[in-house]
Amino acid sequence: SLGNIVFEPEEAGGVTVDGASMGWLKAAAGQFGVQPDDLLSCLI
């Protein structure tokens, strides 16, 4: 699931998870037993 997460740049700088792959972020977080926001923070 983690491998399917795609990123897109933000206007203010940095990146976030592409909307179409937000489900993969939530799936990976659930399978890893962590919160999606915490996993996202580690990625970006």
All heavy atoms as atom14 arrays in JSON, in Angstrom:
{
  "sequence": "SLGNIVFEPEEAGGVTVDGASMGWLKAAAGQFGVQPDDLLSCLI",
  "atom14_mask": [
    [1, 1, 1, 1, 1, 1, 0, 0, 0, 0, 0, 0, 0, 0],
    [1, 1, 1, 1, 1, 1, 1, 1, 0, 0, 0, 0, 0, 0],
    [1, 1, 1, 1, 0, 0, 0, 0, 0, 0, 0, 0, 0, 0],
    [1, 1, 1, 1, 1, 1, 1, 1, 0, 0, 0, 0, 0, 0],
    [1, 1, 1, 1, 1, 1, 1, 1, 0, 0, 0, 0, 0, 0],
    [1, 1, 1, 1, 1, 1, 1, 0, 0, 0, 0, 0, 0, 0],
    [1, 1, 1, 1, 1, 1, 1, 1, 1, 1, 1, 0, 0, 0],
    [1, 1, 1, 1, 1, 1, 1, 1, 1, 0, 0, 0, 0, 0],
    [1, 1, 1, 1, 1, 1, 1, 0, 0, 0, 0, 0, 0, 0],
    [1, 1, 1, 1, 1, 1, 1, 1, 1, 0, 0, 0, 0, 0],
    [1, 1, 1, 1, 1, 1, 1, 1, 1, 0, 0, 0, 0, 0],
    [1, 1, 1, 1, 1, 0, 0, 0, 0, 0, 0, 0, 0, 0],
    [1, 1, 1, 1, 0, 0, 0, 0, 0, 0, 0, 0, 0, 0],
    [1, 1, 1, 1, 0, 0, 0, 0, 0, 0, 0, 0, 0, 0],
    [1, 1, 1, 1, 1, 1, 1, 0, 0, 0, 0, 0, 0, 0],
    [1, 1, 1, 1, 1, 1, 1, 0, 0, 0, 0, 0, 0, 0],
    [1, 1, 1, 1, 1, 1, 1, 0, 0, 0, 0, 0, 0, 0],
    [1, 1, 1, 1, 1, 1, 1, 1, 0, 0, 0, 0, 0, 0],
    [1, 1, 1, 1, 0, 0, 0, 0, 0, 0, 0, 0, 0, 0],
    [1, 1, 1, 1, 1, 0, 0, 0, 0, 0, 0, 0, 0, 0],
    [1, 1, 1, 1, 1, 1, 0, 0, 0, 0, 0, 0, 0, 0],
    [1, 1, 1, 1, 1, 1, 1, 1, 0, 0, 0, 0, 0, 0],
    [1, 1, 1, 1, 0, 0, 0, 0, 0, 0, 0, 0, 0, 0],
    [1, 1, 1, 1, 1, 1, 1, 1, 1, 1, 1, 1, 1, 1],
    [1, 1, 1, 1, 1, 1, 1, 1, 0, 0, 0, 0, 0, 0],
    [1, 1, 1, 1, 1, 1, 1, 1, 1, 0, 0, 0, 0, 0],
    [1, 1, 1, 1, 1, 0, 0, 0, 0, 0, 0, 0, 0, 0],
    [1, 1, 1, 1, 1, 0, 0, 0, 0, 0, 0, 0, 0, 0],
    [1, 1, 1, 1, 1, 0, 0, 0, 0, 0, 0, 0, 0, 0],
    [1, 1, 1, 1, 0, 0, 0, 0, 0, 0, 0, 0, 0, 0],
    [1, 1, 1, 1, 1, 1, 1, 1, 1, 0, 0, 0, 0, 0],
    [1, 1, 1, 1, 1, 1, 1, 1, 1, 1, 1, 0, 0, 0],
    [1, 1, 1, 1, 0, 0, 0, 0, 0, 0, 0, 0, 0, 0],
    [1, 1, 1, 1, 1, 1, 1, 0, 0, 0, 0, 0, 0, 0],
    [1, 1, 1, 1, 1, 1, 1, 1, 1, 0, 0, 0, 0, 0],
    [1, 1, 1, 1, 1, 1, 1, 0, 0, 0, 0, 0, 0, 0],
    [1, 1, 1, 1, 1, 1, 1, 1, 0, 0, 0, 0, 0, 0],
    [1, 1, 1, 1, 1, 1, 1, 1, 0, 0, 0, 0, 0, 0],
    [1, 1, 1, 1, 1, 1, 1, 1, 0, 0, 0, 0, 0, 0],
    [1, 1, 1, 1, 1, 1, 1, 1, 0, 0, 0, 0, 0, 0],
    [1, 1, 1, 1, 1, 1, 0, 0, 0, 0, 0, 0, 0, 0],
    [1, 1, 1, 1, 1, 1, 0, 0, 0, 0, 0, 0, 0, 0],
    [1, 1, 1, 1, 1, 1, 1, 1, 0, 0, 0, 0, 0, 0],
    [1, 1, 1, 1, 1, 1, 1, 1, 0, 0, 0, 0, 0, 0]
  ],
  "atom14_positions": [
    [[0.83, -1.21, 0.0], [0.0, 0.0, 0.0], [0.86, 1.26, 0.0], [0.59, 2.23, -0.71], [-0.93, 0.02, 1.21], [-1.84, -1.07, 1.18], [0.0, 0.0, 0.0], [0.0, 0.0, 0.0], [0.0, 0.0, 0.0], [0.0, 0.0, 0.0], [0.0, 0.0, 0.0], [0.0, 0.0, 0.0], [0.0, 0.0, 0.0], [0.0, 0.0, 0.0]],
    [[1.92, 1.24, 0.79], [2.82, 2.39, 0.88], [3.39, 2.76, -0.49], [3.5, 3.94, -0.83], [3.95, 2.07, 1.86], [4.95, 3.19, 2.17], [4.28, 4.3, 2.97], [6.15, 2.64, 2.93], [0.0, 0.0, 0.0], [0.0, 0.0, 0.0], [0.0, 0.0, 0.0], [0.0, 0.0, 0.0], [0.0, 0.0, 0.0], [0.0, 0.0, 0.0]],
    [[3.72, 1.75, -1.27], [4.32, 2.0, -2.58], [3.41, 2.72, -3.56], [3.88, 3.26, -4.57], [0.0, 0.0, 0.0], [0.0, 0.0, 0.0], [0.0, 0.0, 0.0], [0.0, 0.0, 0.0], [0.0, 0.0, 0.0], [0.0, 0.0, 0.0], [0.0, 0.0, 0.0], [0.0, 0.0, 0.0], [0.0, 0.0, 0.0], [0.0, 0.0, 0.0]],
    [[2.11, 2.76, -3.28], [1.16, 3.39, -4.2], [0.88, 4.86, -3.86], [0.09, 5.51, -4.54], [-0.17, 2.62, -4.2], [-0.1, 1.36, -5.05], [0.96, 1.0, -5.54], [-1.23, 0.71, -5.23], [0.0, 0.0, 0.0], [0.0, 0.0, 0.0], [0.0, 0.0, 0.0], [0.0, 0.0, 0.0], [0.0, 0.0, 0.0], [0.0, 0.0, 0.0]],
    [[1.51, 5.36, -2.81], [1.29, 6.76, -2.44], [2.03, 7.68, -3.41], [3.22, 7.49, -3.69], [1.77, 7.02, -0.99], [0.95, 6.17, -0.01], [1.67, 8.5, -0.64], [1.43, 6.25, 1.42], [0.0, 0.0, 0.0], [0.0, 0.0, 0.0], [0.0, 0.0, 0.0], [0.0, 0.0, 0.0], [0.0, 0.0, 0.0], [0.0, 0.0, 0.0]],
    [[1.29, 8.67, -3.96], [1.84, 9.61, -4.93], [1.79, 11.01, -4.32], [0.87, 11.34, -3.58], [1.03, 9.57, -6.25], [1.54, 10.6, -7.24], [1.09, 8.17, -6.85], [0.0, 0.0, 0.0], [0.0, 0.0, 0.0], [0.0, 0.0, 0.0], [0.0, 0.0, 0.0], [0.0, 0.0, 0.0], [0.0, 0.0, 0.0], [0.0, 0.0, 0.0]],
    [[2.79, 11.84, -4.63], [2.89, 13.18, -4.05], [2.72, 14.26, -5.11], [3.03, 14.06, -6.28], [4.26, 13.35, -3.36], [4.53, 12.31, -2.31], [5.23, 11.14, -2.63], [4.08, 12.47, -1.01], [5.48, 10.17, -1.67], [4.32, 11.5, -0.05], [5.02, 10.36, -0.38], [0.0, 0.0, 0.0], [0.0, 0.0, 0.0], [0.0, 0.0, 0.0]],
    [[2.23, 15.42, -4.66], [2.12, 16.57, -5.53], [2.6, 17.81, -4.78], [2.42, 17.92, -3.56], [0.67, 16.77, -6.01], [-0.33, 17.0, -4.9], [-1.75, 17.18, -5.41], [-1.97, 16.95, -6.62], [-2.63, 17.55, -4.6], [0.0, 0.0, 0.0], [0.0, 0.0, 0.0], [0.0, 0.0, 0.0], [0.0, 0.0, 0.0], [0.0, 0.0, 0.0]],
    [[3.23, 18.74, -5.51], [3.76, 19.94, -4.84], [2.65, 20.88, -4.38], [1.57, 20.92, -4.96], [4.63, 20.6, -5.92], [4.16, 20.03, -7.21], [3.58, 18.69, -6.93], [0.0, 0.0, 0.0], [0.0, 0.0, 0.0], [0.0, 0.0, 0.0], [0.0, 0.0, 0.0], [0.0, 0.0, 0.0], [0.0, 0.0, 0.0], [0.0, 0.0, 0.0]],
    [[2.93, 21.63, -3.31], [2.01, 22.64, -2.8], [2.54, 24.03, -3.15], [3.76, 24.24, -3.25], [1.85, 22.51, -1.28], [1.09, 21.26, -0.86], [0.68, 21.32, 0.61], [1.58, 21.53, 1.45], [-0.52, 21.19, 0.88], [0.0, 0.0, 0.0], [0.0, 0.0, 0.0], [0.0, 0.0, 0.0], [0.0, 0.0, 0.0], [0.0, 0.0, 0.0]],
    [[1.62, 24.97, -3.33], [2.02, 26.32, -3.73], [2.91, 26.98, -2.69], [3.84, 27.71, -3.02], [0.77, 27.18, -3.96], [-0.03, 26.78, -5.19], [-1.2, 27.71, -5.42], [-1.32, 28.73, -4.69], [-2.0, 27.41, -6.33], [0.0, 0.0, 0.0], [0.0, 0.0, 0.0], [0.0, 0.0, 0.0], [0.0, 0.0, 0.0], [0.0, 0.0, 0.0]],
    [[2.63, 26.7, -1.43], [3.41, 27.34, -0.35], [4.76, 26.66, -0.12], [5.53, 27.07, 0.75], [2.6, 27.34, 0.94], [0.0, 0.0, 0.0], [0.0, 0.0, 0.0], [0.0, 0.0, 0.0], [0.0, 0.0, 0.0], [0.0, 0.0, 0.0], [0.0, 0.0, 0.0], [0.0, 0.0, 0.0], [0.0, 0.0, 0.0], [0.0, 0.0, 0.0]],
    [[5.05, 25.63, -0.9], [6.29, 24.87, -0.71], [6.02, 23.51, -0.11], [5.0, 23.29, 0.54], [0.0, 0.0, 0.0], [0.0, 0.0, 0.0], [0.0, 0.0, 0.0], [0.0, 0.0, 0.0], [0.0, 0.0, 0.0], [0.0, 0.0, 0.0], [0.0, 0.0, 0.0], [0.0, 0.0, 0.0], [0.0, 0.0, 0.0], [0.0, 0.0, 0.0]],
    [[6.92, 22.6, -0.34], [6.74, 21.24, 0.15], [5.77, 20.46, -0.72], [5.41, 20.88, -1.84], [0.0, 0.0, 0.0], [0.0, 0.0, 0.0], [0.0, 0.0, 0.0], [0.0, 0.0, 0.0], [0.0, 0.0, 0.0], [0.0, 0.0, 0.0], [0.0, 0.0, 0.0], [0.0, 0.0, 0.0], [0.0, 0.0, 0.0], [0.0, 0.0, 0.0]],
    [[5.34, 19.33, -0.23], [4.45, 18.44, -0.98], [3.37, 17.9, -0.06], [3.47, 17.99, 1.16], [5.22, 17.25, -1.61], [6.22, 17.72, -2.64], [5.88, 16.4, -0.53], [0.0, 0.0, 0.0], [0.0, 0.0, 0.0], [0.0, 0.0, 0.0], [0.0, 0.0, 0.0], [0.0, 0.0, 0.0], [0.0, 0.0, 0.0], [0.0, 0.0, 0.0]],
    [[2.34, 17.34, -0.68], [1.32, 16.61, 0.06], [0.95, 15.38, -0.76], [1.43, 15.22, -1.89], [0.08, 17.48, 0.32], [-0.79, 16.78, 1.21], [-0.65, 17.79, -0.98], [0.0, 0.0, 0.0], [0.0, 0.0, 0.0], [0.0, 0.0, 0.0], [0.0, 0.0, 0.0], [0.0, 0.0, 0.0], [0.0, 0.0, 0.0], [0.0, 0.0, 0.0]],
    [[0.12, 14.53, -0.19], [-0.29, 13.32, -0.9], [-1.35, 13.67, -1.93], [-2.3, 14.41, -1.64], [-0.81, 12.27, 0.1], [-1.46, 11.1, -0.65], [0.33, 11.76, 0.96], [0.0, 0.0, 0.0], [0.0, 0.0, 0.0], [0.0, 0.0, 0.0], [0.0, 0.0, 0.0], [0.0, 0.0, 0.0], [0.0, 0.0, 0.0], [0.0, 0.0, 0.0]],
    [[-1.18, 13.17, -3.13], [-2.16, 13.35, -4.2], [-3.52, 12.84, -3.73], [-3.62, 11.79, -3.09], [-1.68, 12.58, -5.43], [-2.68, 12.6, -6.55], [-2.69, 13.58, -7.32], [-3.47, 11.65, -6.64], [0.0, 0.0, 0.0], [0.0, 0.0, 0.0], [0.0, 0.0, 0.0], [0.0, 0.0, 0.0], [0.0, 0.0, 0.0], [0.0, 0.0, 0.0]],
    [[-4.57, 13.58, -4.06], [-5.91, 13.23, -3.59], [-6.33, 11.83, -3.97], [-6.97, 11.11, -3.19], [0.0, 0.0, 0.0], [0.0, 0.0, 0.0], [0.0, 0.0, 0.0], [0.0, 0.0, 0.0], [0.0, 0.0, 0.0], [0.0, 0.0, 0.0], [0.0, 0.0, 0.0], [0.0, 0.0, 0.0], [0.0, 0.0, 0.0], [0.0, 0.0, 0.0]],
    [[-5.94, 11.38, -5.17], [-6.34, 10.05, -5.65], [-5.67, 8.94, -4.86], [-6.16, 7.8, -4.84], [-6.01, 9.91, -7.14], [0.0, 0.0, 0.0], [0.0, 0.0, 0.0], [0.0, 0.0, 0.0], [0.0, 0.0, 0.0], [0.0, 0.0, 0.0], [0.0, 0.0, 0.0], [0.0, 0.0, 0.0], [0.0, 0.0, 0.0], [0.0, 0.0, 0.0]],
    [[-4.55, 9.24, -4.2], [-3.85, 8.19, -3.46], [-3.99, 8.33, -1.95], [-3.31, 7.64, -1.2], [-2.37, 8.15, -3.84], [-1.72, 9.34, -3.46], [0.0, 0.0, 0.0], [0.0, 0.0, 0.0], [0.0, 0.0, 0.0], [0.0, 0.0, 0.0], [0.0, 0.0, 0.0], [0.0, 0.0, 0.0], [0.0, 0.0, 0.0], [0.0, 0.0, 0.0]],
    [[-4.87, 9.24, -1.52], [-5.09, 9.4, -0.08], [-5.59, 8.1, 0.54], [-5.26, 7.78, 1.7], [-6.11, 10.53, 0.18], [-6.29, 10.86, 1.64], [-4.76, 11.39, 2.48], [-4.55, 13.02, 1.75], [0.0, 0.0, 0.0], [0.0, 0.0, 0.0], [0.0, 0.0, 0.0], [0.0, 0.0, 0.0], [0.0, 0.0, 0.0], [0.0, 0.0, 0.0]],
    [[-6.37, 7.33, -0.23], [-6.84, 6.04, 0.28], [-5.7, 5.09, 0.57], [-5.76, 4.3, 1.53], [0.0, 0.0, 0.0], [0.0, 0.0, 0.0], [0.0, 0.0, 0.0], [0.0, 0.0, 0.0], [0.0, 0.0, 0.0], [0.0, 0.0, 0.0], [0.0, 0.0, 0.0], [0.0, 0.0, 0.0], [0.0, 0.0, 0.0], [0.0, 0.0, 0.0]],
    [[-4.63, 5.15, -0.25], [-3.46, 4.28, -0.02], [-2.73, 4.69, 1.26], [-2.2, 3.83, 1.98], [-2.52, 4.32, -1.21], [-3.08, 3.69, -2.44], [-3.43, 4.3, -3.6], [-3.38, 2.3, -2.63], [-3.93, 3.38, -4.51], [-3.9, 2.15, -3.94], [-3.27, 1.17, -1.82], [-4.3, 0.91, -4.45], [-3.66, -0.07, -2.34], [-4.17, -0.18, -3.63]],
    [[-2.68, 5.99, 1.52], [-2.06, 6.46, 2.76], [-2.81, 5.91, 3.96], [-2.21, 5.4, 4.91], [-2.04, 7.99, 2.8], [-1.56, 8.6, 4.12], [-0.07, 8.36, 4.31], [-1.88, 10.09, 4.18], [0.0, 0.0, 0.0], [0.0, 0.0, 0.0], [0.0, 0.0, 0.0], [0.0, 0.0, 0.0], [0.0, 0.0, 0.0], [0.0, 0.0, 0.0]],
    [[-4.15, 6.0, 3.92], [-4.95, 5.5, 5.04], [-4.82, 3.99, 5.17], [-4.76, 3.47, 6.3], [-6.41, 5.9, 4.83], [-6.66, 7.4, 4.92], [-8.12, 7.74, 4.66], [-8.36, 9.24, 4.78], [-9.77, 9.6, 4.48], [0.0, 0.0, 0.0], [0.0, 0.0, 0.0], [0.0, 0.0, 0.0], [0.0, 0.0, 0.0], [0.0, 0.0, 0.0]],
    [[-4.77, 3.29, 4.03], [-4.62, 1.83, 4.08], [-3.29, 1.44, 4.7], [-3.22, 0.58, 5.59], [-4.74, 1.24, 2.67], [0.0, 0.0, 0.0], [0.0, 0.0, 0.0], [0.0, 0.0, 0.0], [0.0, 0.0, 0.0], [0.0, 0.0, 0.0], [0.0, 0.0, 0.0], [0.0, 0.0, 0.0], [0.0, 0.0, 0.0], [0.0, 0.0, 0.0]],
    [[-2.19, 2.1, 4.26], [-0.86, 1.79, 4.79], [-0.79, 2.1, 6.28], [-0.23, 1.31, 7.07], [0.2, 2.57, 4.04], [0.0, 0.0, 0.0], [0.0, 0.0, 0.0], [0.0, 0.0, 0.0], [0.0, 0.0, 0.0], [0.0, 0.0, 0.0], [0.0, 0.0, 0.0], [0.0, 0.0, 0.0], [0.0, 0.0, 0.0], [0.0, 0.0, 0.0]],
    [[-1.37, 3.23, 6.68], [-1.35, 3.59, 8.1], [-2.1, 2.56, 8.93], [-1.63, 2.14, 10.01], [-1.98, 4.98, 8.28], [0.0, 0.0, 0.0], [0.0, 0.0, 0.0], [0.0, 0.0, 0.0], [0.0, 0.0, 0.0], [0.0, 0.0, 0.0], [0.0, 0.0, 0.0], [0.0, 0.0, 0.0], [0.0, 0.0, 0.0], [0.0, 0.0, 0.0]],
    [[-3.25, 2.1, 8.43], [-4.01, 1.09, 9.16], [-3.25, -0.22, 9.27], [-3.23, -0.87, 10.32], [0.0, 0.0, 0.0], [0.0, 0.0, 0.0], [0.0, 0.0, 0.0], [0.0, 0.0, 0.0], [0.0, 0.0, 0.0], [0.0, 0.0, 0.0], [0.0, 0.0, 0.0], [0.0, 0.0, 0.0], [0.0, 0.0, 0.0], [0.0, 0.0, 0.0]],
    [[-2.61, -0.63, 8.17], [-1.85, -1.89, 8.18], [-0.61, -1.79, 9.06], [-0.17, -2.78, 9.64], [-1.49, -2.25, 6.74], [-2.7, -2.7, 5.92], [-2.52, -2.48, 4.43], [-1.83, -1.57, 3.99], [-3.16, -3.33, 3.62], [0.0, 0.0, 0.0], [0.0, 0.0, 0.0], [0.0, 0.0, 0.0], [0.0, 0.0, 0.0], [0.0, 0.0, 0.0]],
    [[-0.05, -0.58, 9.18], [1.12, -0.38, 10.03], [0.74, -0.06, 11.48], [1.62, 0.06, 12.34], [1.99, 0.75, 9.48], [2.74, 0.4, 8.22], [3.15, 1.4, 7.34], [3.05, -0.92, 7.9], [3.84, 1.09, 6.19], [3.74, -1.24, 6.75], [4.14, -0.23, 5.89], [0.0, 0.0, 0.0], [0.0, 0.0, 0.0], [0.0, 0.0, 0.0]],
    [[-0.56, 0.12, 11.73], [-1.0, 0.38, 13.1], [-0.64, 1.76, 13.6], [-0.34, 1.94, 14.79], [0.0, 0.0, 0.0], [0.0, 0.0, 0.0], [0.0, 0.0, 0.0], [0.0, 0.0, 0.0], [0.0, 0.0, 0.0], [0.0, 0.0, 0.0], [0.0, 0.0, 0.0], [0.0, 0.0, 0.0], [0.0, 0.0, 0.0], [0.0, 0.0, 0.0]],
    [[-0.63, 2.77, 12.69], [-0.31, 4.14, 13.08], [-1.39, 5.08, 12.53], [-2.23, 4.68, 11.72], [1.08, 4.57, 12.56], [2.17, 3.67, 13.14], [1.13, 4.54, 11.02], [0.0, 0.0, 0.0], [0.0, 0.0, 0.0], [0.0, 0.0, 0.0], [0.0, 0.0, 0.0], [0.0, 0.0, 0.0], [0.0, 0.0, 0.0], [0.0, 0.0, 0.0]],
    [[-1.35, 6.34, 12.93], [-2.32, 7.32, 12.46], [-1.89, 7.87, 11.09], [-0.7, 8.12, 10.87], [-2.43, 8.48, 13.45], [-3.06, 8.09, 14.78], [-4.47, 7.53, 14.6], [-5.3, 8.11, 13.89], [-4.73, 6.39, 15.24], [0.0, 0.0, 0.0], [0.0, 0.0, 0.0], [0.0, 0.0, 0.0], [0.0, 0.0, 0.0], [0.0, 0.0, 0.0]],
    [[-2.86, 8.07, 10.16], [-2.52, 8.57, 8.82], [-1.76, 9.9, 8.85], [-0.8, 10.08, 8.09], [-3.89, 8.73, 8.15], [-4.77, 7.75, 8.85], [-4.29, 7.72, 10.27], [0.0, 0.0, 0.0], [0.0, 0.0, 0.0], [0.0, 0.0, 0.0], [0.0, 0.0, 0.0], [0.0, 0.0, 0.0], [0.0, 0.0, 0.0], [0.0, 0.0, 0.0]],
    [[-2.15, 10.83, 9.73], [-1.47, 12.13, 9.79], [-0.02, 11.97, 10.23], [0.87, 12.69, 9.75], [-2.2, 13.07, 10.76], [-3.53, 13.55, 10.19], [-3.75, 13.37, 8.97], [-4.35, 14.1, 10.96], [0.0, 0.0, 0.0], [0.0, 0.0, 0.0], [0.0, 0.0, 0.0], [0.0, 0.0, 0.0], [0.0, 0.0, 0.0], [0.0, 0.0, 0.0]],
    [[0.22, 11.04, 11.15], [1.6, 10.81, 11.61], [2.46, 10.21, 10.5], [3.62, 10.6, 10.33], [1.6, 9.89, 12.83], [0.95, 10.53, 14.05], [0.92, 11.77, 14.11], [0.46, 9.78, 14.92], [0.0, 0.0, 0.0], [0.0, 0.0, 0.0], [0.0, 0.0, 0.0], [0.0, 0.0, 0.0], [0.0, 0.0, 0.0], [0.0, 0.0, 0.0]],
    [[1.9, 9.26, 9.75], [2.64, 8.67, 8.64], [2.88, 9.72, 7.56], [3.99, 9.8, 7.0], [1.86, 7.48, 8.06], [2.5, 6.77, 6.86], [3.89, 6.25, 7.21], [1.6, 5.61, 6.38], [0.0, 0.0, 0.0], [0.0, 0.0, 0.0], [0.0, 0.0, 0.0], [0.0, 0.0, 0.0], [0.0, 0.0, 0.0], [0.0, 0.0, 0.0]],
    [[1.87, 10.53, 7.27], [2.03, 11.59, 6.27], [3.15, 12.54, 6.65], [3.98, 12.93, 5.82], [0.71, 12.37, 6.14], [0.74, 13.6, 5.22], [1.06, 13.2, 3.79], [-0.58, 14.36, 5.29], [0.0, 0.0, 0.0], [0.0, 0.0, 0.0], [0.0, 0.0, 0.0], [0.0, 0.0, 0.0], [0.0, 0.0, 0.0], [0.0, 0.0, 0.0]],
    [[3.2, 12.92, 7.92], [4.24, 13.84, 8.4], [5.63, 13.27, 8.15], [6.56, 13.98, 7.76], [4.05, 14.12, 9.88], [5.06, 14.97, 10.37], [0.0, 0.0, 0.0], [0.0, 0.0, 0.0], [0.0, 0.0, 0.0], [0.0, 0.0, 0.0], [0.0, 0.0, 0.0], [0.0, 0.0, 0.0], [0.0, 0.0, 0.0], [0.0, 0.0, 0.0]],
    [[5.8, 11.95, 8.36], [7.1, 11.31, 8.14], [7.48, 11.29, 6.66], [8.66, 11.25, 6.32], [7.08, 9.89, 8.69], [6.96, 9.78, 10.47], [0.0, 0.0, 0.0], [0.0, 0.0, 0.0], [0.0, 0.0, 0.0], [0.0, 0.0, 0.0], [0.0, 0.0, 0.0], [0.0, 0.0, 0.0], [0.0, 0.0, 0.0], [0.0, 0.0, 0.0]],
    [[6.48, 11.29, 5.79], [6.74, 11.23, 4.36], [7.06, 12.6, 3.77], [7.88, 12.69, 2.85], [5.52, 10.64, 3.64], [5.22, 9.17, 3.9], [3.85, 8.81, 3.33], [6.29, 8.28, 3.3], [0.0, 0.0, 0.0], [0.0, 0.0, 0.0], [0.0, 0.0, 0.0], [0.0, 0.0, 0.0], [0.0, 0.0, 0.0], [0.0, 0.0, 0.0]],
    [[6.44, 13.66, 4.26], [6.57, 14.96, 3.6], [7.54, 15.91, 4.3], [7.84, 16.98, 3.77], [5.19, 15.66, 3.48], [4.63, 15.99, 4.86], [4.23, 14.79, 2.68], [3.36, 16.82, 4.83], [0.0, 0.0, 0.0], [0.0, 0.0, 0.0], [0.0, 0.0, 0.0], [0.0, 0.0, 0.0], [0.0, 0.0, 0.0], [0.0, 0.0, 0.0]]
  ]
}
